[in-house]
Protein backbone atom coordinates (compact mmCIF):
# COMPACT_ATOMS: atom_id res chain seq x y z
CA MET A 1 -20.24 -14.21 -4.06
CA ALA A 2 -21.02 -18.24 -4.69
CA SER A 3 -20.13 -19.32 -1.52
CA ASP A 4 -16.63 -21.39 -2.18
CA VAL A 5 -14.37 -17.72 -3.01
CA ARG A 6 -11.90 -17.72 -1.10
CA GLU A 7 -11.89 -15.82 2.32
CA ILE A 8 -8.62 -13.41 3.07
CA VAL A 9 -7.57 -11.29 6.03
CA PHE A 10 -6.37 -7.60 5.39
CA ALA A 11 -4.56 -6.83 7.78
CA THR A 12 -4.87 -2.99 7.62
CA ASN A 13 -6.76 -0.51 9.40
CA ASN A 14 -7.02 2.17 6.93
CA ALA A 15 -10.43 2.51 4.96
CA HIS A 16 -8.62 3.14 1.72
CA LYS A 17 -6.47 0.55 1.25
CA LEU A 18 -9.72 -1.78 2.09
CA SER A 19 -11.31 0.04 -0.47
CA GLU A 20 -8.57 -0.06 -3.21
CA LEU A 21 -7.72 -4.06 -3.12
CA ARG A 22 -11.96 -4.96 -3.21
CA ALA A 23 -11.89 -3.49 -5.99
CA VAL A 24 -8.42 -5.06 -7.87
CA VAL A 25 -9.67 -8.56 -7.07
CA GLY A 26 -13.12 -8.00 -7.50
CA ASP A 27 -15.18 -11.38 -6.76
CA HIS A 28 -11.85 -13.41 -6.69
CA LEU A 29 -11.63 -12.72 -3.16
CA LYS A 30 -14.08 -11.82 -0.35
CA VAL A 31 -11.45 -9.72 1.28
CA LEU A 32 -12.07 -9.41 5.11
CA SER A 33 -11.51 -6.08 7.58
CA LEU A 34 -9.48 -6.44 10.67
CA GLU A 35 -12.66 -5.12 12.15
CA ASP A 36 -14.74 -7.71 9.78
CA ILE A 37 -12.45 -10.33 12.84
CA ASP A 38 -12.99 -8.24 16.18
CA CYS A 39 -8.73 -7.22 15.71
CA HIS A 40 -8.27 -3.93 17.51
CA ASP A 41 -4.34 -4.64 17.97
CA ASP A 42 -2.12 -1.57 18.06
CA ILE A 43 -0.08 -4.02 14.90
CA PRO A 44 3.37 -3.59 15.14
CA GLU A 45 5.50 -2.32 12.72
CA THR A 46 9.28 -1.90 13.88
CA GLY A 47 10.82 -3.41 10.52
CA ASP A 48 13.61 -1.76 8.68
CA THR A 49 12.82 -2.60 5.11
CA LEU A 50 8.38 -2.93 3.84
CA GLU A 51 9.23 -7.15 3.39
CA GLU A 52 10.14 -7.59 7.29
CA ASN A 53 6.49 -4.65 8.55
CA SER A 54 4.35 -7.12 5.92
CA MET A 55 5.54 -9.80 6.81
CA LEU A 56 4.92 -8.88 10.63
CA LYS A 57 1.60 -7.75 10.79
CA ALA A 58 0.33 -10.65 8.53
CA ARG A 59 1.95 -13.30 11.40
CA TRP A 60 0.53 -11.52 14.00
CA VAL A 61 -2.96 -12.28 12.28
CA LYS A 62 -2.33 -15.93 11.29
CA ASP A 63 -0.78 -16.59 14.27
CA LYS A 64 -3.23 -14.13 16.11
CA TYR A 65 -6.60 -15.21 14.44
CA GLY A 66 -5.85 -18.32 12.63
CA TYR A 67 -7.25 -16.26 9.68
CA ASP A 68 -5.62 -16.61 6.07
CA CYS A 69 -3.87 -12.84 6.34
CA ILE A 70 -2.80 -10.98 3.21
CA ALA A 71 -0.46 -7.41 4.54
CA ASP A 72 1.87 -4.84 3.12
CA ASP A 73 3.58 -2.40 3.56
CA THR A 74 4.03 0.88 0.90
CA GLY A 75 6.71 3.66 0.82
CA LEU A 76 7.29 6.19 -0.84
CA GLU A 77 11.31 6.70 -1.94
CA VAL A 78 12.85 9.64 -3.21
CA VAL A 79 15.75 9.43 -5.55
CA ALA A 80 17.51 12.70 -4.08
CA LEU A 81 16.59 11.90 -0.95
CA ASP A 82 18.06 8.81 -1.02
CA GLY A 83 15.25 6.69 -0.52
CA ALA A 84 12.95 7.59 1.68
CA PRO A 85 11.45 8.86 2.92
CA GLY A 86 10.86 4.86 2.10
CA VAL A 87 9.88 2.53 4.90
CA HIS A 88 8.54 4.87 7.20
CA SER A 89 6.05 7.05 5.17
CA ALA A 90 3.60 6.49 7.09
CA ARG A 91 5.44 8.08 10.49
CA TYR A 92 7.41 10.75 8.43
CA ALA A 93 6.98 13.62 10.30
CA PRO A 94 7.52 13.69 13.83
CA GLY A 95 4.14 13.21 16.21
CA ASP A 96 2.15 10.46 16.82
CA GLY A 97 -0.09 8.22 14.73
CA HIS A 98 -0.31 8.76 10.54
CA ASP A 99 -0.65 12.37 9.71
CA SER A 100 -1.05 12.62 5.94
CA LYS A 101 -1.41 15.96 5.42
CA ALA A 102 2.20 17.04 8.06
CA ASN A 103 3.69 14.14 5.94
CA MET A 104 3.31 15.99 3.25
CA GLU A 105 4.47 19.42 4.03
CA LEU A 106 7.43 17.57 5.37
CA LEU A 107 7.96 16.18 2.13
CA LEU A 108 7.44 19.16 0.53
CA HIS A 109 9.96 21.13 1.79
CA ASN A 110 12.72 19.14 1.78
CA MET A 111 12.49 19.09 -1.64
CA GLU A 112 12.63 22.75 -2.38
CA GLY A 113 14.90 23.37 -5.09
CA VAL A 114 15.53 20.51 -5.63
CA THR A 115 15.21 19.86 -9.61
CA ASP A 116 15.88 16.10 -9.73
CA ARG A 117 11.98 14.61 -8.15
CA ARG A 118 12.30 11.56 -9.50
CA ALA A 119 10.55 9.00 -6.98
CA ARG A 120 9.11 5.56 -6.32
CA PHE A 121 5.65 4.30 -5.04
CA ARG A 122 6.38 0.41 -4.29
CA THR A 123 4.14 -1.36 -2.31
CA VAL A 124 5.53 -5.67 -0.60
CA ILE A 125 2.48 -7.62 -0.29
CA THR A 126 2.90 -11.03 2.54
CA LEU A 127 0.14 -13.38 1.73
CA LEU A 128 -0.42 -16.15 4.85
CA THR A 129 -2.29 -19.44 4.23
CA GLY A 130 -2.27 -22.86 6.12
CA ALA A 131 -2.00 -24.75 2.77
CA ASP A 132 -0.11 -22.62 0.61
CA GLY A 133 2.03 -21.17 3.29
CA CYS A 134 3.82 -17.62 2.24
CA ARG A 135 4.22 -16.18 -0.64
CA VAL A 136 5.94 -12.83 -1.13
CA VAL A 137 5.03 -9.80 -4.28
CA ASP A 138 5.39 -6.33 -4.95
CA GLY A 139 4.48 -4.03 -7.56
CA VAL A 140 5.80 -0.41 -8.09
CA VAL A 141 5.00 2.49 -9.98
CA ASN A 142 7.33 4.92 -10.53
CA GLY A 143 7.00 8.96 -11.72
CA THR A 144 7.93 12.22 -9.70
CA ILE A 145 7.01 14.30 -6.92
CA ALA A 146 5.39 17.38 -8.03
CA THR A 147 6.10 20.80 -6.19
CA SER A 148 2.28 22.13 -4.65
CA PRO A 149 -0.26 19.26 -4.42
CA ARG A 150 -2.99 18.54 -7.00
CA GLY A 151 -5.98 16.93 -6.69
CA GLU A 152 -8.84 16.39 -3.85
CA ASN A 153 -8.84 12.65 -4.45
CA GLY A 154 -6.63 9.58 -2.85
CA PHE A 155 -5.63 9.17 -0.15
CA GLY A 156 -1.23 9.74 1.54
CA TYR A 157 1.03 12.08 -0.78
CA ASP A 158 -1.92 11.15 -3.83
CA PRO A 159 -1.37 14.60 -4.78
CA VAL A 160 2.15 15.20 -5.11
CA PHE A 161 2.97 11.50 -6.86
CA LEU A 162 2.40 12.52 -10.14
CA PRO A 163 3.31 8.64 -12.45
CA ASP A 164 4.92 8.81 -15.97
CA GLU A 165 2.50 7.20 -16.97
CA ALA A 166 -0.19 9.15 -16.58
CA ALA A 167 0.60 12.60 -18.46
CA GLY A 168 1.98 15.09 -15.76
CA LEU A 169 -1.62 13.88 -13.00
CA SER A 170 -0.94 13.79 -9.80
CA PHE A 171 -2.50 10.19 -8.13
CA ALA A 172 -5.44 12.91 -6.75
CA GLN A 173 -6.65 14.26 -10.52
CA MET A 174 -7.44 9.51 -11.60
CA ASP A 175 -10.47 8.51 -10.54
CA ALA A 176 -10.11 4.99 -8.04
CA ASP A 177 -10.42 2.87 -11.45
CA ALA A 178 -7.66 4.96 -13.63
CA LYS A 179 -4.48 4.89 -10.67
CA ASN A 180 -5.33 0.76 -9.90
CA MET A 181 -4.84 0.03 -13.25
CA ILE A 182 -1.37 1.76 -12.38
CA SER A 183 -0.59 2.68 -8.35
CA HIS A 184 2.50 0.30 -7.28
CA ARG A 185 -0.35 -1.44 -4.95
CA GLY A 186 -2.88 -2.82 -7.92
CA ARG A 187 0.31 -4.13 -9.03
CA ALA A 188 1.17 -5.82 -6.82
CA THR A 189 -2.32 -7.41 -5.86
CA ARG A 190 -2.43 -8.77 -9.45
CA THR A 191 0.50 -10.63 -9.34
CA LEU A 192 -1.01 -12.04 -6.19
CA LEU A 193 -4.33 -13.15 -7.37
CA ASN A 194 -2.23 -14.79 -10.45
CA LEU A 195 -0.75 -16.36 -8.46
CA LEU A 196 -3.27 -17.51 -6.37
CA GLU A 197 -5.18 -19.49 -9.59
CA LYS A 198 -2.29 -21.22 -10.47
CA GLN A 199 -1.96 -22.83 -6.96
CA ALA A 200 -6.19 -23.06 -7.43
């Protein structure tokens, strides 16, 4: 990797998100993890929107550690549930922490007997840099909620989300490259990279 490649921190403790973002950016950016900068803080996610949570996380790292920072927040928005779980997607099920299996089980329970299964994944990414200030981008993929989990790949709600562009496959049935081509996070990241290239 060239020495002049820009370094930036991705404010997440989710190893799956980190690997996805690194795969999308390739050699355009050197993406550091929170562990790489010795940040072990429990960064608050107390916002009421994806945009607010994304900004909170990016601002935390930028202010406390001084690094240019990317932070994201992602929500699964289900039409029949009035947009839920939305901003609460990672903590949808009761209890402490991020229990992906419990979240998915609760979602399927709440969708029992529901015929309108339309949903979308939305990712909001905030970029904070000393030189360019603040940029906020988002990415969306539309789909439907399956009646039961499918596939072993991915994470979170991937086994029950069927993107419209994947011919009936769930995200968890797709390989990483195919998912990144159409995913909400992939789309938001490519939009961000386009902005950075224009500023270069």
